[in-house]
Amino acid sequence: MMCAVRDCLVKDYEPLESVPHLPDDDDCHVLAAAIKARAQLIATNNLKDFPGGTLRAWNVEAVSADDFVPAQTDLDRQRVFAAVQPTADSLRNPPGAAGDVLDHLERDGLLEPAAALRAGR
């Protein structure tokens, strides 16, 4: 992931883990990392554990992958497609192609993002 997404690794967020109050304590590190990185979005299919009221206090919004990927594709289609290829290149057993990554997204239930990416190829 670090090869495909520049600045994806957030460090030194741990002091912020006790600040947000989320329904599931095991998710606090996600919001803490978003706060530290000054992220605007958390992409997750676990929306119930990231209530809007708590996130708004930090100017963060939680969105599903089905909403996130097409929105990113609309913003910068080439960059999204460029992120798929390194993921495919990292597949070794068996070796993979971009289509294999999209097949995996579909198997994980991410039908709309996979379709958006396929349509743009």
N, C-alpha and C. Protein backbone atom coordinates (compact mmCIF):
# COMPACT_ATOMS: atom_id res chain seq x y z
N MET A 1 0.82 -1.19 0.00
CA MET A 1 0.00 0.00 0.00
C MET A 1 0.86 1.25 0.00
N MET A 2 1.98 1.21 0.72
CA MET A 2 2.81 2.40 0.80
C MET A 2 3.39 2.77 -0.57
N CYS A 3 3.54 1.80 -1.46
CA CYS A 3 4.03 2.10 -2.81
C CYS A 3 2.93 2.75 -3.64
N ALA A 4 1.69 2.35 -3.41
CA ALA A 4 0.58 2.84 -4.23
C ALA A 4 0.01 4.15 -3.71
N VAL A 5 0.04 4.35 -2.40
CA VAL A 5 -0.59 5.53 -1.81
C VAL A 5 0.45 6.30 -1.00
N ARG A 6 0.88 7.40 -1.57
CA ARG A 6 1.89 8.24 -0.91
C ARG A 6 1.35 8.74 0.44
N ASP A 7 2.18 8.74 1.44
CA ASP A 7 1.83 9.25 2.78
C ASP A 7 0.70 8.47 3.46
N CYS A 8 0.57 7.18 3.17
CA CYS A 8 -0.52 6.42 3.78
C CYS A 8 -0.21 6.00 5.22
N LEU A 9 1.05 5.99 5.60
CA LEU A 9 1.43 5.56 6.94
C LEU A 9 1.43 6.77 7.88
N VAL A 10 0.60 6.69 8.91
CA VAL A 10 0.50 7.77 9.89
C VAL A 10 1.25 7.35 11.14
N LYS A 11 2.15 8.19 11.60
CA LYS A 11 2.95 7.89 12.79
C LYS A 11 2.59 8.85 13.92
N ASP A 12 2.87 8.43 15.12
CA ASP A 12 2.73 9.27 16.32
C ASP A 12 1.29 9.73 16.56
N TYR A 13 0.33 8.89 16.22
CA TYR A 13 -1.08 9.20 16.47
C TYR A 13 -1.53 8.70 17.84
N GLU A 14 -0.73 7.86 18.47
CA GLU A 14 -1.14 7.18 19.70
C GLU A 14 -1.62 8.12 20.81
N PRO A 15 -1.00 9.30 21.02
CA PRO A 15 -1.52 10.18 22.08
C PRO A 15 -2.96 10.64 21.84
N LEU A 16 -3.41 10.58 20.60
CA LEU A 16 -4.77 11.02 20.28
C LEU A 16 -5.81 9.92 20.44
N GLU A 17 -5.38 8.68 20.66
CA GLU A 17 -6.33 7.56 20.74
C GLU A 17 -7.35 7.71 21.85
N SER A 18 -7.01 8.40 22.91
CA SER A 18 -7.95 8.54 24.02
C SER A 18 -8.91 9.70 23.83
N VAL A 19 -8.69 10.52 22.82
CA VAL A 19 -9.53 11.71 22.60
C VAL A 19 -10.91 11.35 22.04
N PRO A 20 -10.99 10.65 20.91
CA PRO A 20 -12.32 10.38 20.36
C PRO A 20 -13.04 9.29 21.13
N HIS A 21 -14.33 9.41 21.23
CA HIS A 21 -15.15 8.40 21.89
C HIS A 21 -16.02 7.76 20.82
N LEU A 22 -15.69 6.53 20.48
CA LEU A 22 -16.41 5.80 19.45
C LEU A 22 -17.12 4.60 20.08
N PRO A 23 -18.16 4.09 19.44
CA PRO A 23 -18.88 2.94 19.98
C PRO A 23 -17.99 1.72 20.22
N ASP A 24 -16.98 1.54 19.37
CA ASP A 24 -16.06 0.41 19.52
C ASP A 24 -14.66 0.96 19.81
N ASP A 25 -14.17 0.72 21.02
CA ASP A 25 -12.85 1.22 21.41
C ASP A 25 -11.74 0.75 20.47
N ASP A 26 -11.95 -0.38 19.82
CA ASP A 26 -10.94 -0.91 18.90
C ASP A 26 -10.81 -0.07 17.63
N ASP A 27 -11.72 0.89 17.42
CA ASP A 27 -11.67 1.75 16.23
C ASP A 27 -11.06 3.12 16.52
N CYS A 28 -10.78 3.41 17.78
CA CYS A 28 -10.27 4.75 18.14
C CYS A 28 -8.96 5.08 17.43
N HIS A 29 -8.13 4.08 17.19
CA HIS A 29 -6.86 4.35 16.50
C HIS A 29 -7.09 4.85 15.07
N VAL A 30 -8.18 4.43 14.45
CA VAL A 30 -8.47 4.87 13.08
C VAL A 30 -8.77 6.36 13.07
N LEU A 31 -9.64 6.80 13.97
CA LEU A 31 -9.96 8.23 14.04
C LEU A 31 -8.74 9.03 14.51
N ALA A 32 -7.98 8.49 15.45
CA ALA A 32 -6.77 9.19 15.91
C ALA A 32 -5.79 9.40 14.76
N ALA A 33 -5.61 8.40 13.93
CA ALA A 33 -4.72 8.53 12.77
C ALA A 33 -5.27 9.55 11.78
N ALA A 34 -6.59 9.55 11.59
CA ALA A 34 -7.20 10.53 10.68
C ALA A 34 -7.00 11.95 11.20
N ILE A 35 -7.17 12.14 12.51
CA ILE A 35 -6.96 13.46 13.11
C ILE A 35 -5.51 13.89 12.92
N LYS A 36 -4.58 13.00 13.23
CA LYS A 36 -3.16 13.32 13.11
C LYS A 36 -2.79 13.67 11.67
N ALA A 37 -3.36 12.95 10.71
CA ALA A 37 -3.05 13.17 9.30
C ALA A 37 -3.85 14.32 8.69
N ARG A 38 -4.75 14.87 9.49
CA ARG A 38 -5.66 15.92 9.00
C ARG A 38 -6.46 15.43 7.79
N ALA A 39 -6.87 14.17 7.88
CA ALA A 39 -7.68 13.56 6.82
C ALA A 39 -9.10 14.09 6.90
N GLN A 40 -9.73 14.17 5.76
CA GLN A 40 -11.12 14.60 5.69
C GLN A 40 -12.07 13.42 5.69
N LEU A 41 -11.56 12.25 5.28
CA LEU A 41 -12.41 11.07 5.14
C LEU A 41 -11.78 9.85 5.79
N ILE A 42 -12.66 8.98 6.28
CA ILE A 42 -12.29 7.63 6.66
C ILE A 42 -13.11 6.72 5.76
N ALA A 43 -12.47 5.92 4.95
CA ALA A 43 -13.18 4.97 4.08
C ALA A 43 -13.31 3.65 4.83
N THR A 44 -14.54 3.26 5.10
CA THR A 44 -14.81 2.05 5.87
C THR A 44 -16.20 1.53 5.53
N ASN A 45 -16.37 0.24 5.63
CA ASN A 45 -17.72 -0.32 5.51
C ASN A 45 -18.31 -0.56 6.89
N ASN A 46 -17.66 -0.05 7.90
CA ASN A 46 -18.09 -0.16 9.29
C ASN A 46 -18.64 1.20 9.75
N LEU A 47 -19.57 1.74 9.01
CA LEU A 47 -20.05 3.10 9.27
C LEU A 47 -20.72 3.26 10.63
N LYS A 48 -21.34 2.19 11.13
CA LYS A 48 -22.07 2.30 12.40
C LYS A 48 -21.15 2.64 13.58
N ASP A 49 -19.88 2.29 13.47
CA ASP A 49 -18.94 2.56 14.56
C ASP A 49 -18.22 3.90 14.42
N PHE A 50 -18.61 4.69 13.42
CA PHE A 50 -18.02 6.01 13.21
C PHE A 50 -19.14 7.04 13.07
N PRO A 51 -19.81 7.37 14.20
CA PRO A 51 -20.96 8.28 14.15
C PRO A 51 -20.58 9.69 13.69
N GLY A 52 -21.45 10.24 12.86
CA GLY A 52 -21.20 11.55 12.27
C GLY A 52 -20.95 12.65 13.30
N GLY A 53 -21.70 12.65 14.39
CA GLY A 53 -21.52 13.70 15.40
C GLY A 53 -20.12 13.73 15.98
N THR A 54 -19.59 12.57 16.29
CA THR A 54 -18.23 12.48 16.83
C THR A 54 -17.22 12.91 15.79
N LEU A 55 -17.40 12.46 14.56
CA LEU A 55 -16.43 12.77 13.50
C LEU A 55 -16.46 14.25 13.12
N ARG A 56 -17.65 14.84 13.11
CA ARG A 56 -17.77 16.27 12.73
C ARG A 56 -16.93 17.17 13.62
N ALA A 57 -16.81 16.80 14.89
CA ALA A 57 -15.99 17.60 15.81
C ALA A 57 -14.54 17.68 15.34
N TRP A 58 -14.13 16.73 14.52
CA TRP A 58 -12.75 16.68 14.02
C TRP A 58 -12.70 16.97 12.52
N ASN A 59 -13.81 17.42 11.95
CA ASN A 59 -13.89 17.70 10.51
C ASN A 59 -13.53 16.48 9.67
N VAL A 60 -14.03 15.34 10.11
CA VAL A 60 -13.81 14.07 9.42
C VAL A 60 -15.17 13.47 9.10
N GLU A 61 -15.24 12.77 7.98
CA GLU A 61 -16.47 12.10 7.56
C GLU A 61 -16.14 10.65 7.25
N ALA A 62 -17.01 9.74 7.64
CA ALA A 62 -16.84 8.33 7.27
C ALA A 62 -17.69 8.05 6.04
N VAL A 63 -17.09 7.38 5.07
CA VAL A 63 -17.80 7.01 3.85
C VAL A 63 -17.52 5.54 3.54
N SER A 64 -18.49 4.90 2.90
CA SER A 64 -18.31 3.51 2.51
C SER A 64 -17.38 3.43 1.31
N ALA A 65 -16.78 2.27 1.13
CA ALA A 65 -15.92 2.06 -0.04
C ALA A 65 -16.72 2.22 -1.33
N ASP A 66 -17.99 1.81 -1.29
CA ASP A 66 -18.84 1.96 -2.48
C ASP A 66 -19.02 3.42 -2.86
N ASP A 67 -18.94 4.32 -1.90
CA ASP A 67 -19.03 5.75 -2.21
C ASP A 67 -17.65 6.36 -2.45
N PHE A 68 -16.65 5.88 -1.71
CA PHE A 68 -15.31 6.47 -1.78
C PHE A 68 -14.63 6.26 -3.13
N VAL A 69 -14.58 5.03 -3.61
CA VAL A 69 -13.83 4.75 -4.83
C VAL A 69 -14.40 5.48 -6.04
N PRO A 70 -15.72 5.44 -6.28
CA PRO A 70 -16.23 6.20 -7.43
C PRO A 70 -15.99 7.71 -7.30
N ALA A 71 -16.08 8.24 -6.08
CA ALA A 71 -15.82 9.67 -5.89
C ALA A 71 -14.37 10.00 -6.21
N GLN A 72 -13.45 9.14 -5.77
CA GLN A 72 -12.04 9.37 -6.09
C GLN A 72 -11.78 9.23 -7.58
N THR A 73 -12.47 8.29 -8.20
CA THR A 73 -12.33 8.09 -9.64
C THR A 73 -12.81 9.33 -10.38
N ASP A 74 -13.89 9.93 -9.91
CA ASP A 74 -14.39 11.16 -10.54
C ASP A 74 -13.39 12.31 -10.37
N LEU A 75 -12.71 12.36 -9.22
CA LEU A 75 -11.76 13.44 -8.96
C LEU A 75 -10.48 13.30 -9.77
N ASP A 76 -9.94 12.08 -9.82
CA ASP A 76 -8.65 11.88 -10.50
C ASP A 76 -8.56 10.44 -10.99
N ARG A 77 -9.22 10.19 -12.11
CA ARG A 77 -9.32 8.84 -12.67
C ARG A 77 -7.94 8.19 -12.86
N GLN A 78 -7.00 8.92 -13.41
CA GLN A 78 -5.69 8.34 -13.69
C GLN A 78 -4.96 7.91 -12.42
N ARG A 79 -5.08 8.70 -11.38
CA ARG A 79 -4.40 8.35 -10.12
C ARG A 79 -5.00 7.09 -9.50
N VAL A 80 -6.32 6.96 -9.56
CA VAL A 80 -6.95 5.76 -9.01
C VAL A 80 -6.52 4.53 -9.81
N PHE A 81 -6.54 4.64 -11.12
CA PHE A 81 -6.11 3.50 -11.94
C PHE A 81 -4.65 3.18 -11.69
N ALA A 82 -3.84 4.21 -11.49
CA ALA A 82 -2.41 4.00 -11.23
C ALA A 82 -2.19 3.26 -9.91
N ALA A 83 -3.11 3.37 -8.97
CA ALA A 83 -2.99 2.67 -7.69
C ALA A 83 -3.33 1.20 -7.81
N VAL A 84 -4.14 0.84 -8.81
CA VAL A 84 -4.53 -0.56 -8.99
C VAL A 84 -3.35 -1.40 -9.49
N GLN A 85 -2.58 -0.86 -10.40
CA GLN A 85 -1.51 -1.65 -11.01
C GLN A 85 -0.44 -2.10 -10.02
N PRO A 86 0.06 -1.22 -9.11
CA PRO A 86 1.05 -1.72 -8.14
C PRO A 86 0.48 -2.82 -7.24
N THR A 87 -0.80 -2.74 -6.95
CA THR A 87 -1.43 -3.80 -6.16
C THR A 87 -1.38 -5.11 -6.94
N ALA A 88 -1.74 -5.03 -8.22
CA ALA A 88 -1.68 -6.23 -9.07
C ALA A 88 -0.25 -6.74 -9.18
N ASP A 89 0.69 -5.84 -9.33
CA ASP A 89 2.10 -6.23 -9.47
C ASP A 89 2.63 -6.93 -8.22
N SER A 90 2.02 -6.63 -7.06
CA SER A 90 2.49 -7.24 -5.81
C SER A 90 2.01 -8.68 -5.65
N LEU A 91 1.04 -9.09 -6.45
CA LEU A 91 0.52 -10.46 -6.37
C LEU A 91 1.56 -11.42 -6.93
N ARG A 92 1.91 -12.44 -6.18
CA ARG A 92 2.98 -13.34 -6.59
C ARG A 92 2.52 -14.79 -6.78
N ASN A 93 1.56 -15.23 -5.99
CA ASN A 93 1.19 -16.63 -6.04
C ASN A 93 -0.32 -16.79 -6.08
N PRO A 94 -0.92 -16.78 -7.22
CA PRO A 94 -0.32 -16.63 -8.55
C PRO A 94 -0.10 -15.16 -8.88
N PRO A 95 0.74 -14.89 -9.88
CA PRO A 95 0.91 -13.51 -10.34
C PRO A 95 -0.43 -12.95 -10.79
N GLY A 96 -0.62 -11.65 -10.61
CA GLY A 96 -1.91 -11.07 -10.93
C GLY A 96 -1.82 -9.93 -11.91
N ALA A 97 -2.98 -9.54 -12.37
CA ALA A 97 -3.13 -8.40 -13.26
C ALA A 97 -4.16 -7.47 -12.64
N ALA A 98 -4.31 -6.29 -13.22
CA ALA A 98 -5.26 -5.32 -12.68
C ALA A 98 -6.67 -5.91 -12.60
N GLY A 99 -7.04 -6.70 -13.60
CA GLY A 99 -8.36 -7.34 -13.58
C GLY A 99 -8.56 -8.25 -12.38
N ASP A 100 -7.47 -8.89 -11.93
CA ASP A 100 -7.56 -9.75 -10.74
C ASP A 100 -7.87 -8.93 -9.49
N VAL A 101 -7.29 -7.75 -9.40
CA VAL A 101 -7.57 -6.87 -8.26
C VAL A 101 -9.04 -6.47 -8.28
N LEU A 102 -9.55 -6.14 -9.45
CA LEU A 102 -10.96 -5.75 -9.57
C LEU A 102 -11.87 -6.94 -9.27
N ASP A 103 -11.49 -8.14 -9.69
CA ASP A 103 -12.25 -9.34 -9.35
C ASP A 103 -12.32 -9.51 -7.84
N HIS A 104 -11.21 -9.26 -7.16
CA HIS A 104 -11.16 -9.38 -5.70
C HIS A 104 -12.09 -8.35 -5.05
N LEU A 105 -12.10 -7.14 -5.56
CA LEU A 105 -13.02 -6.12 -5.03
C LEU A 105 -14.46 -6.60 -5.15
N GLU A 106 -14.79 -7.19 -6.30
CA GLU A 106 -16.16 -7.69 -6.50
C GLU A 106 -16.48 -8.81 -5.51
N ARG A 107 -15.54 -9.72 -5.31
CA ARG A 107 -15.78 -10.82 -4.35
C ARG A 107 -15.99 -10.29 -2.94
N ASP A 108 -15.36 -9.16 -2.63
CA ASP A 108 -15.53 -8.55 -1.31
C ASP A 108 -16.78 -7.70 -1.21
N GLY A 109 -17.59 -7.71 -2.27
CA GLY A 109 -18.85 -6.97 -2.25
C GLY A 109 -18.74 -5.53 -2.70
N LEU A 110 -17.58 -5.13 -3.20
CA LEU A 110 -17.38 -3.75 -3.65
C LEU A 110 -17.70 -3.66 -5.15
N LEU A 111 -18.96 -3.92 -5.46
CA LEU A 111 -19.38 -4.01 -6.86
C LEU A 111 -19.30 -2.67 -7.58
N GLU A 112 -19.78 -1.63 -6.94
CA GLU A 112 -19.76 -0.31 -7.60
C GLU A 112 -18.35 0.21 -7.83
N PRO A 113 -17.45 0.13 -6.84
CA PRO A 113 -16.08 0.58 -7.10
C PRO A 113 -15.41 -0.22 -8.22
N ALA A 114 -15.61 -1.54 -8.21
CA ALA A 114 -15.00 -2.36 -9.27
C ALA A 114 -15.56 -1.97 -10.63
N ALA A 115 -16.87 -1.74 -10.70
CA ALA A 115 -17.48 -1.35 -11.97
C ALA A 115 -16.96 0.01 -12.43
N ALA A 116 -16.80 0.94 -11.49
CA ALA A 116 -16.29 2.27 -11.85
C ALA A 116 -14.87 2.17 -12.39
N LEU A 117 -14.07 1.33 -11.77
CA LEU A 117 -12.69 1.16 -12.24
C LEU A 117 -12.64 0.43 -13.58
N ARG A 118 -13.48 -0.57 -13.75
CA ARG A 118 -13.51 -1.28 -15.04
C ARG A 118 -13.97 -0.35 -16.16
N ALA A 119 -14.93 0.49 -15.88
CA ALA A 119 -15.47 1.39 -16.91
C ALA A 119 -14.43 2.40 -17.37
N GLY A 120 -13.50 2.73 -16.49
CA GLY A 120 -12.51 3.74 -16.82
C GLY A 120 -11.26 3.21 -17.47
N ARG A 121 -11.11 1.89 -17.54
CA ARG A 121 -9.87 1.33 -18.10
C ARG A 121 -9.83 1.47 -19.59
